[in-house]
Amino acid sequence: MLMNKRISILLSTLFFIGAGQINAQDVKQPASPVLIELFTSQGCSSCPPAEELLNTWGMALFKAKKALPLAFHVNYWDYLGWKDPFSSSFATARQRQYASFYNAASVFTPEMVVNGQPGFNGADRSTAQAELDQASLLSSLPSLGIKTKIHSKNIQVLLSNPSEDLLKGKTIYIVVFENDLKTSVNRGENNRRLLIQNFVVRYQTSLDKIKKLSIPIEFQWNISRLGVAVWAQDSQTMGVEGLNWNYPVSN
């Protein structure tokens, strides 16, 4: 009887160990946060409400690590009385890439794009929340690994990922963004307005594989307010996955 009892206990123990191993394999890795892109300009009078949405709703998501809002300041408004100091050709090129992919008739501001899906009015809170909720369900790639360090006048960035196979067919994007920027506008559509802007993209580059890189720090940037973000984007679907960031970069 004693021997049979010991055998029964041993079999039960092995069963639970085996079940635990199966359950551990079945557990889905947590999806990466959601990327929120806002195409905006200081020369556009309808953009401040969308930027305020990033400062409030977007900031709460950022602090909770649920999403990263990024403000891409386009340069095609710069000739209408006010040159946006944060405008860039890469921001305009990125927006036009989306427009081309989705066969949009034109580009506009403020446009919000969530995880690479078709854009909408960036000041529309209800649509933004619905797009965020949907994107959170679809994302499956775990966050890419990112480490940053200030060295001399550069940001040293080390990227890592447990499986290179997960990145096949995807482009890796790296951006530097800056928070707590204030601008007194004295011309153009936002004349006499003080604009407070966060998540402003200062630098963008793309890679075809995980690597280490060095980003020169521009003299206008405030190091204490800089962050670095990385994500993978599928050129066939424009879907964004693997988003991760380090803020501030000195951490």
C-alpha atoms as a PDB file:
ATOM      1  CA  MET A   1       0.000   0.000   0.000  1.00  0.00           C
ATOM      2  CA  LEU A   2       2.794   2.392   0.910  1.00  0.00           C
ATOM      3  CA  MET A   3       4.580   1.745  -2.395  1.00  0.00           C
ATOM      4  CA  ASN A   4       1.352   2.329  -4.376  1.00  0.00           C
ATOM      5  CA  LYS A   5       0.753   5.606  -2.526  1.00  0.00           C
ATOM      6  CA  ARG A   6       4.267   6.828  -3.327  1.00  0.00           C
ATOM      7  CA  ILE A   7       3.820   5.933  -6.990  1.00  0.00           C
ATOM      8  CA  SER A   8       0.497   7.792  -7.049  1.00  0.00           C
ATOM      9  CA  ILE A   9       2.078  10.922  -5.527  1.00  0.00           C
ATOM     10  CA  LEU A  10       4.983  10.752  -7.993  1.00  0.00           C
ATOM     11  CA  LEU A  11       2.665  10.467 -11.005  1.00  0.00           C
ATOM     12  CA  SER A  12       0.569  13.379  -9.764  1.00  0.00           C
ATOM     13  CA  THR A  13       3.683  15.524  -9.317  1.00  0.00           C
ATOM     14  CA  LEU A  14       4.934  14.734 -12.822  1.00  0.00           C
ATOM     15  CA  PHE A  15       1.510  15.570 -14.231  1.00  0.00           C
ATOM     16  CA  PHE A  16       1.436  19.011 -12.655  1.00  0.00           C
ATOM     17  CA  ILE A  17       5.049  19.733 -13.698  1.00  0.00           C
ATOM     18  CA  GLY A  18       4.231  18.761 -17.274  1.00  0.00           C
ATOM     19  CA  ALA A  19       1.060  20.850 -17.253  1.00  0.00           C
ATOM     20  CA  GLY A  20       3.018  23.819 -15.940  1.00  0.00           C
ATOM     21  CA  GLN A  21       5.532  23.497 -18.780  1.00  0.00           C
ATOM     22  CA  ILE A  22       2.759  23.378 -21.377  1.00  0.00           C
ATOM     23  CA  ASN A  23       1.026  26.403 -19.874  1.00  0.00           C
ATOM     24  CA  ALA A  24       4.294  28.356 -19.804  1.00  0.00           C
ATOM     25  CA  GLN A  25       4.767  27.691 -23.517  1.00  0.00           C
ATOM     26  CA  ASP A  26       1.186  28.728 -24.273  1.00  0.00           C
ATOM     27  CA  VAL A  27       1.477  32.082 -22.490  1.00  0.00           C
ATOM     28  CA  LYS A  28       1.570  34.857 -25.099  1.00  0.00           C
ATOM     29  CA  GLN A  29       4.350  37.390 -24.731  1.00  0.00           C
ATOM     30  CA  PRO A  30       3.070  40.893 -23.954  1.00  0.00           C
ATOM     31  CA  ALA A  31       2.537  42.982 -27.068  1.00  0.00           C
ATOM     32  CA  SER A  32       4.535  46.124 -27.627  1.00  0.00           C
ATOM     33  CA  PRO A  33       3.049  49.578 -26.907  1.00  0.00           C
ATOM     34  CA  VAL A  34       1.181  51.488 -29.609  1.00  0.00           C
ATOM     35  CA  LEU A  35       2.774  54.165 -31.819  1.00  0.00           C
ATOM     36  CA  ILE A  36       0.740  57.368 -32.258  1.00  0.00           C
ATOM     37  CA  GLU A  37       2.040  59.717 -34.953  1.00  0.00           C
ATOM     38  CA  LEU A  38       0.759  63.265 -35.302  1.00  0.00           C
ATOM     39  CA  PHE A  39       1.654  65.226 -38.434  1.00  0.00           C
ATOM     40  CA  THR A  40       1.473  68.860 -37.426  1.00  0.00           C
ATOM     41  CA  SER A  41       2.873  72.361 -37.910  1.00  0.00           C
ATOM     42  CA  GLN A  42       3.152  75.567 -35.923  1.00  0.00           C
ATOM     43  CA  GLY A  43       1.923  77.363 -39.035  1.00  0.00           C
ATOM     44  CA  CYS A  44      -1.428  75.544 -38.957  1.00  0.00           C
ATOM     45  CA  SER A  45      -4.232  77.110 -36.878  1.00  0.00           C
ATOM     46  CA  SER A  46      -6.104  73.794 -36.474  1.00  0.00           C
ATOM     47  CA  CYS A  47      -3.059  71.965 -35.093  1.00  0.00           C
ATOM     48  CA  PRO A  48      -2.874  73.284 -31.465  1.00  0.00           C
ATOM     49  CA  PRO A  49      -5.980  71.285 -30.336  1.00  0.00           C
ATOM     50  CA  ALA A  50      -4.391  68.087 -31.675  1.00  0.00           C
ATOM     51  CA  GLU A  51      -1.112  68.901 -29.957  1.00  0.00           C
ATOM     52  CA  GLU A  52      -2.985  69.527 -26.701  1.00  0.00           C
ATOM     53  CA  LEU A  53      -4.454  66.028 -27.090  1.00  0.00           C
ATOM     54  CA  LEU A  54      -0.887  64.685 -27.163  1.00  0.00           C
ATOM     55  CA  ASN A  55      -0.006  66.796 -24.106  1.00  0.00           C
ATOM     56  CA  THR A  56      -2.871  65.331 -22.054  1.00  0.00           C
ATOM     57  CA  TRP A  57      -4.296  62.027 -23.325  1.00  0.00           C
ATOM     58  CA  GLY A  58      -1.039  61.132 -25.042  1.00  0.00           C
ATOM     59  CA  MET A  59       1.111  62.021 -22.042  1.00  0.00           C
ATOM     60  CA  ALA A  60      -0.989  59.771 -19.781  1.00  0.00           C
ATOM     61  CA  LEU A  61      -0.530  56.855 -22.190  1.00  0.00           C
ATOM     62  CA  PHE A  62       3.194  57.610 -22.408  1.00  0.00           C
ATOM     63  CA  LYS A  63       3.650  57.589 -18.634  1.00  0.00           C
ATOM     64  CA  ALA A  64       1.713  54.306 -18.400  1.00  0.00           C
ATOM     65  CA  LYS A  65       3.942  52.780 -21.125  1.00  0.00           C
ATOM     66  CA  LYS A  66       0.846  51.985 -23.182  1.00  0.00           C
ATOM     67  CA  ALA A  67       1.702  54.177 -26.152  1.00  0.00           C
ATOM     68  CA  LEU A  68       4.257  56.619 -27.492  1.00  0.00           C
ATOM     69  CA  PRO A  69       2.898  59.760 -29.190  1.00  0.00           C
ATOM     70  CA  LEU A  70       5.273  61.401 -31.656  1.00  0.00           C
ATOM     71  CA  ALA A  71       4.801  64.822 -33.265  1.00  0.00           C
ATOM     72  CA  PHE A  72       6.235  64.997 -36.795  1.00  0.00           C
ATOM     73  CA  HIS A  73       6.400  68.669 -37.790  1.00  0.00           C
ATOM     74  CA  VAL A  74       6.018  68.925 -41.563  1.00  0.00           C
ATOM     75  CA  ASN A  75       7.637  71.704 -43.569  1.00  0.00           C
ATOM     76  CA  TYR A  76       5.031  72.461 -46.253  1.00  0.00           C
ATOM     77  CA  TRP A  77       3.396  75.143 -44.050  1.00  0.00           C
ATOM     78  CA  ASP A  78       6.642  77.057 -43.581  1.00  0.00           C
ATOM     79  CA  TYR A  79       6.045  79.478 -46.467  1.00  0.00           C
ATOM     80  CA  LEU A  80       2.761  80.832 -45.043  1.00  0.00           C
ATOM     81  CA  GLY A  81       4.115  83.510 -42.707  1.00  0.00           C
ATOM     82  CA  TRP A  82       5.771  81.390 -40.013  1.00  0.00           C
ATOM     83  CA  LYS A  83       8.618  78.892 -40.260  1.00  0.00           C
ATOM     84  CA  ASP A  84       8.170  76.083 -37.740  1.00  0.00           C
ATOM     85  CA  PRO A  85      11.551  75.675 -35.957  1.00  0.00           C
ATOM     86  CA  PHE A  86      10.873  71.940 -35.585  1.00  0.00           C
ATOM     87  CA  SER A  87       9.808  71.285 -39.175  1.00  0.00           C
ATOM     88  CA  SER A  88      11.750  68.772 -41.258  1.00  0.00           C
ATOM     89  CA  SER A  89      11.768  67.217 -44.689  1.00  0.00           C
ATOM     90  CA  PHE A  90      11.805  63.712 -43.168  1.00  0.00           C
ATOM     91  CA  ALA A  91       8.492  64.430 -41.399  1.00  0.00           C
ATOM     92  CA  THR A  92       6.895  65.486 -44.681  1.00  0.00           C
ATOM     93  CA  ALA A  93       8.388  62.487 -46.489  1.00  0.00           C
ATOM     94  CA  ARG A  94       7.019  60.111 -43.850  1.00  0.00           C
ATOM     95  CA  GLN A  95       3.509  61.556 -44.133  1.00  0.00           C
ATOM     96  CA  ARG A  96       3.639  61.350 -47.916  1.00  0.00           C
ATOM     97  CA  GLN A  97       4.735  57.724 -47.639  1.00  0.00           C
ATOM     98  CA  TYR A  98       1.511  56.981 -45.779  1.00  0.00           C
ATOM     99  CA  ALA A  99      -0.522  58.999 -48.302  1.00  0.00           C
ATOM    100  CA  SER A 100       1.002  57.059 -51.189  1.00  0.00           C
ATOM    101  CA  PHE A 101       0.460  53.683 -49.515  1.00  0.00           C
ATOM    102  CA  TYR A 102      -3.202  54.414 -48.747  1.00  0.00           C
ATOM    103  CA  ASN A 103      -3.844  56.228 -52.073  1.00  0.00           C
ATOM    104  CA  ALA A 104      -4.826  59.439 -50.282  1.00  0.00           C
ATOM    105  CA  ALA A 105      -5.653  62.385 -52.520  1.00  0.00           C
ATOM    106  CA  SER A 106      -3.498  64.760 -50.446  1.00  0.00           C
ATOM    107  CA  VAL A 107      -1.768  65.277 -47.106  1.00  0.00           C
ATOM    108  CA  PHE A 108      -3.195  67.429 -44.330  1.00  0.00           C
ATOM    109  CA  THR A 109      -2.593  68.656 -40.786  1.00  0.00           C
ATOM    110  CA  PRO A 110      -3.317  67.728 -38.127  1.00  0.00           C
ATOM    111  CA  GLU A 111      -3.275  64.067 -39.180  1.00  0.00           C
ATOM    112  CA  MET A 112      -2.993  61.255 -36.655  1.00  0.00           C
ATOM    113  CA  VAL A 113      -1.803  57.763 -37.602  1.00  0.00           C
ATOM    114  CA  VAL A 114      -2.029  54.906 -35.087  1.00  0.00           C
ATOM    115  CA  ASN A 115       0.326  51.945 -35.606  1.00  0.00           C
ATOM    116  CA  GLY A 116       0.644  52.754 -39.301  1.00  0.00           C
ATOM    117  CA  GLN A 117      -3.068  52.542 -40.142  1.00  0.00           C
ATOM    118  CA  PRO A 118      -4.999  55.141 -42.252  1.00  0.00           C
ATOM    119  CA  GLY A 119      -4.895  58.642 -40.778  1.00  0.00           C
ATOM    120  CA  PHE A 120      -7.699  60.815 -39.405  1.00  0.00           C
ATOM    121  CA  ASN A 121      -8.248  64.244 -37.832  1.00  0.00           C
ATOM    122  CA  GLY A 122      -5.659  64.433 -35.066  1.00  0.00           C
ATOM    123  CA  ALA A 123      -7.928  66.480 -32.792  1.00  0.00           C
ATOM    124  CA  ASP A 124     -10.644  63.786 -32.764  1.00  0.00           C
ATOM    125  CA  ARG A 125     -10.310  62.216 -29.299  1.00  0.00           C
ATOM    126  CA  SER A 126     -12.992  59.550 -29.754  1.00  0.00           C
ATOM    127  CA  THR A 127     -11.542  58.230 -33.009  1.00  0.00           C
ATOM    128  CA  ALA A 128      -8.041  58.325 -31.517  1.00  0.00           C
ATOM    129  CA  GLN A 129      -9.165  56.210 -28.553  1.00  0.00           C
ATOM    130  CA  ALA A 130     -10.990  53.719 -30.804  1.00  0.00           C
ATOM    131  CA  GLU A 131      -7.902  53.342 -33.031  1.00  0.00           C
ATOM    132  CA  LEU A 132      -5.713  52.888 -29.959  1.00  0.00           C
ATOM    133  CA  ASP A 133      -7.977  50.170 -28.544  1.00  0.00           C
ATOM    134  CA  GLN A 134      -7.990  48.309 -31.868  1.00  0.00           C
ATOM    135  CA  ALA A 135      -4.211  48.579 -32.293  1.00  0.00           C
ATOM    136  CA  SER A 136      -3.642  47.236 -28.777  1.00  0.00           C
ATOM    137  CA  LEU A 137      -5.475  44.030 -29.740  1.00  0.00           C
ATOM    138  CA  LEU A 138      -3.555  43.486 -32.985  1.00  0.00           C
ATOM    139  CA  SER A 139       0.028  44.097 -31.865  1.00  0.00           C
ATOM    140  CA  SER A 140       1.956  40.861 -31.267  1.00  0.00           C
ATOM    141  CA  LEU A 141       5.685  41.484 -31.625  1.00  0.00           C
ATOM    142  CA  PRO A 142       7.430  41.912 -28.247  1.00  0.00           C
ATOM    143  CA  SER A 143       9.148  45.255 -27.679  1.00  0.00           C
ATOM    144  CA  LEU A 144      12.618  45.612 -29.167  1.00  0.00           C
ATOM    145  CA  GLY A 145      15.451  46.026 -26.703  1.00  0.00           C
ATOM    146  CA  ILE A 146      16.988  49.502 -26.451  1.00  0.00           C
ATOM    147  CA  LYS A 147      19.758  50.964 -24.307  1.00  0.00           C
ATOM    148  CA  THR A 148      21.057  54.526 -24.529  1.00  0.00           C
ATOM    149  CA  LYS A 149      24.044  56.377 -23.136  1.00  0.00           C
ATOM    150  CA  ILE A 150      25.412  59.883 -23.560  1.00  0.00           C
ATOM    151  CA  HIS A 151      29.024  59.775 -24.682  1.00  0.00           C
ATOM    152  CA  SER A 152      30.833  62.994 -25.567  1.00  0.00           C
ATOM    153  CA  LYS A 153      28.473  64.819 -27.951  1.00  0.00           C
ATOM    154  CA  ASN A 154      26.621  61.719 -29.099  1.00  0.00           C
ATOM    155  CA  ILE A 155      23.784  59.435 -28.038  1.00  0.00           C
ATOM    156  CA  GLN A 156      25.025  55.862 -28.118  1.00  0.00           C
ATOM    157  CA  VAL A 157      22.134  53.497 -28.936  1.00  0.00           C
ATOM    158  CA  LEU A 158      22.313  49.726 -28.578  1.00  0.00           C
ATOM    159  CA  LEU A 159      19.416  47.753 -30.032  1.00  0.00           C
ATOM    160  CA  SER A 160      18.648  44.107 -29.374  1.00  0.00           C
ATOM    161  CA  ASN A 161      15.957  41.550 -30.034  1.00  0.00           C
ATOM    162  CA  PRO A 162      15.640  37.883 -29.045  1.00  0.00           C
ATOM    163  CA  SER A 163      14.864  36.738 -32.602  1.00  0.00           C
ATOM    164  CA  GLU A 164      16.023  38.276 -35.887  1.00  0.00           C
ATOM    165  CA  ASP A 165      13.423  36.132 -37.687  1.00  0.00           C
ATOM    166  CA  LEU A 166      10.675  38.319 -36.241  1.00  0.00           C
ATOM    167  CA  LEU A 167      12.105  41.301 -38.139  1.00  0.00           C
ATOM    168  CA  LYS A 168      12.150  39.773 -41.624  1.00  0.00           C
ATOM    169  CA  GLY A 169      10.453  42.066 -44.133  1.00  0.00           C
ATOM    170  CA  LYS A 170      10.421  44.988 -41.711  1.00  0.00           C
ATOM    171  CA  THR A 171      12.293  48.291 -41.521  1.00  0.00           C
ATOM    172  CA  ILE A 172      13.634  49.407 -38.155  1.00  0.00           C
ATOM    173  CA  TYR A 173      13.060  53.085 -37.357  1.00  0.00           C
ATOM    174  CA  ILE A 174      14.913  55.059 -34.691  1.00  0.00           C
ATOM    175  CA  VAL A 175      13.916  58.576 -33.662  1.00  0.00           C
ATOM    176  CA  VAL A 176      15.039  61.141 -31.114  1.00  0.00           C
ATOM    177  CA  PHE A 177      12.172  63.118 -29.583  1.00  0.00           C
ATOM    178  CA  GLU A 178      12.092  66.044 -27.169  1.00  0.00           C
ATOM    179  CA  ASN A 179       9.535  67.116 -24.557  1.00  0.00           C
ATOM    180  CA  ASP A 180       8.518  70.408 -22.952  1.00  0.00           C
ATOM    181  CA  LEU A 181       9.216  72.736 -25.859  1.00  0.00           C
ATOM    182  CA  LYS A 182       7.740  76.248 -25.787  1.00  0.00           C
ATOM    183  CA  THR A 183       7.452  78.618 -28.736  1.00  0.00           C
ATOM    184  CA  SER A 184       6.024  82.146 -28.871  1.00  0.00           C
ATOM    185  CA  VAL A 185       4.629  82.515 -32.375  1.00  0.00           C
ATOM    186  CA  ASN A 186       4.581  86.075 -33.710  1.00  0.00           C
ATOM    187  CA  ARG A 187       3.450  85.566 -37.310  1.00  0.00           C
ATOM    188  CA  GLY A 188       1.226  83.324 -39.379  1.00  0.00           C
ATOM    189  CA  GLU A 189      -2.028  81.567 -38.434  1.00  0.00           C
ATOM    190  CA  ASN A 190      -0.994  81.075 -34.791  1.00  0.00           C
ATOM    191  CA  ASN A 191       0.219  84.635 -34.291  1.00  0.00           C
ATOM    192  CA  ARG A 192       0.435  85.701 -30.594  1.00  0.00           C
ATOM    193  CA  ARG A 193       0.046  82.152 -29.328  1.00  0.00           C
ATOM    194  CA  LEU A 194       2.386  80.380 -26.925  1.00  0.00           C
ATOM    195  CA  LEU A 195       2.653  76.783 -28.094  1.00  0.00           C
ATOM    196  CA  ILE A 196       3.666  74.082 -25.604  1.00  0.00           C
ATOM    197  CA  GLN A 197       4.665  70.927 -27.445  1.00  0.00           C
ATOM    198  CA  ASN A 198       5.823  67.461 -26.425  1.00  0.00           C
ATOM    199  CA  PHE A 199       7.116  64.391 -28.250  1.00  0.00           C
ATOM    200  CA  VAL A 200       8.615  66.529 -31.026  1.00  0.00           C
ATOM    201  CA  VAL A 201      10.674  64.359 -33.379  1.00  0.00           C
ATOM    202  CA  ARG A 202      14.139  65.872 -33.765  1.00  0.00           C
ATOM    203  CA  TYR A 203      15.878  63.084 -35.674  1.00  0.00           C
ATOM    204  CA  GLN A 204      14.899  60.008 -37.665  1.00  0.00           C
ATOM    205  CA  THR A 205      16.823  57.214 -39.333  1.00  0.00           C
ATOM    206  CA  SER A 206      16.049  53.708 -40.551  1.00  0.00           C
ATOM    207  CA  LEU A 207      17.939  50.404 -40.512  1.00  0.00           C
ATOM    208  CA  ASP A 208      17.499  47.007 -42.098  1.00  0.00           C
ATOM    209  CA  LYS A 209      18.814  45.083 -39.102  1.00  0.00           C
ATOM    210  CA  ILE A 210      19.542  45.393 -35.385  1.00  0.00           C
ATOM    211  CA  LYS A 211      22.781  47.234 -34.674  1.00  0.00           C
ATOM    212  CA  LYS A 212      24.561  49.818 -32.546  1.00  0.00           C
ATOM    213  CA  LEU A 213      24.540  53.426 -33.699  1.00  0.00           C
ATOM    214  CA  SER A 214      25.741  56.855 -32.626  1.00  0.00           C
ATOM    215  CA  ILE A 215      23.510  59.927 -33.000  1.00  0.00           C
ATOM    216  CA  PRO A 216      25.129  63.384 -32.903  1.00  0.00           C
ATOM    217  CA  ILE A 217      23.500  65.724 -30.371  1.00  0.00           C
ATOM    218  CA  GLU A 218      22.454  69.020 -31.962  1.00  0.00           C
ATOM    219  CA  PHE A 219      23.167  72.184 -29.974  1.00  0.00           C
ATOM    220  CA  GLN A 220      19.435  73.095 -29.853  1.00  0.00           C
ATOM    221  CA  TRP A 221      18.499  69.881 -28.044  1.00  0.00           C
ATOM    222  CA  ASN A 222      18.079  69.758 -24.264  1.00  0.00           C
ATOM    223  CA  ILE A 223      19.614  66.438 -23.207  1.00  0.00           C
ATOM    224  CA  SER A 224      17.503  66.166 -20.054  1.00  0.00           C
ATOM    225  CA  ARG A 225      14.315  66.201 -22.153  1.00  0.00           C
ATOM    226  CA  LEU A 226      15.390  63.846 -24.948  1.00  0.00           C
ATOM    227  CA  GLY A 227      14.097  60.344 -25.582  1.00  0.00           C
ATOM    228  CA  VAL A 228      15.018  57.677 -28.142  1.00  0.00           C
ATOM    229  CA  ALA A 229      12.437  55.326 -29.645  1.00  0.00           C
ATOM    230  CA  VAL A 230      12.669  52.277 -31.906  1.00  0.00           C
ATOM    231  CA  TRP A 231      10.081  50.206 -33.755  1.00  0.00           C
ATOM    232  CA  ALA A 232       9.725  47.794 -36.667  1.00  0.00           C
ATOM    233  CA  GLN A 233       7.428  48.618 -39.597  1.00  0.00           C
ATOM    234  CA  ASP A 234       6.227  46.269 -42.325  1.00  0.00           C
ATOM    235  CA  SER A 235       6.487  47.853 -45.789  1.00  0.00           C
ATOM    236  CA  GLN A 236       3.772  45.530 -47.110  1.00  0.00           C
ATOM    237  CA  THR A 237       1.138  46.521 -44.530  1.00  0.00           C
ATOM    238  CA  MET A 238       2.617  49.635 -42.834  1.00  0.00           C
ATOM    239  CA  GLY A 239       1.866  47.902 -39.534  1.00  0.00           C
ATOM    240  CA  VAL A 240       4.009  48.966 -36.576  1.00  0.00           C
ATOM    241  CA  GLU A 241       5.281  46.476 -33.988  1.00  0.00           C
ATOM    242  CA  GLY A 242       8.039  46.109 -31.428  1.00  0.00           C
ATOM    243  CA  LEU A 243       7.857  49.728 -30.226  1.00  0.00           C
ATOM    244  CA  ASN A 244      10.083  50.635 -27.308  1.00  0.00           C
ATOM    245  CA  TRP A 245      11.759  53.782 -26.013  1.00  0.00           C
ATOM    246  CA  ASN A 246      14.124  55.150 -23.421  1.00  0.00           C
ATOM    247  CA  TYR A 247      13.310  58.473 -21.759  1.00  0.00           C
ATOM    248  CA  PRO A 248      15.284  60.398 -20.796  1.00  0.00           C
ATOM    249  CA  VAL A 249      18.253  59.137 -22.798  1.00  0.00           C
ATOM    250  CA  SER A 250      20.585  59.375 -19.805  1.00  0.00           C
ATOM    251  CA  ASN A 251      18.658  56.567 -18.087  1.00  0.00           C
END
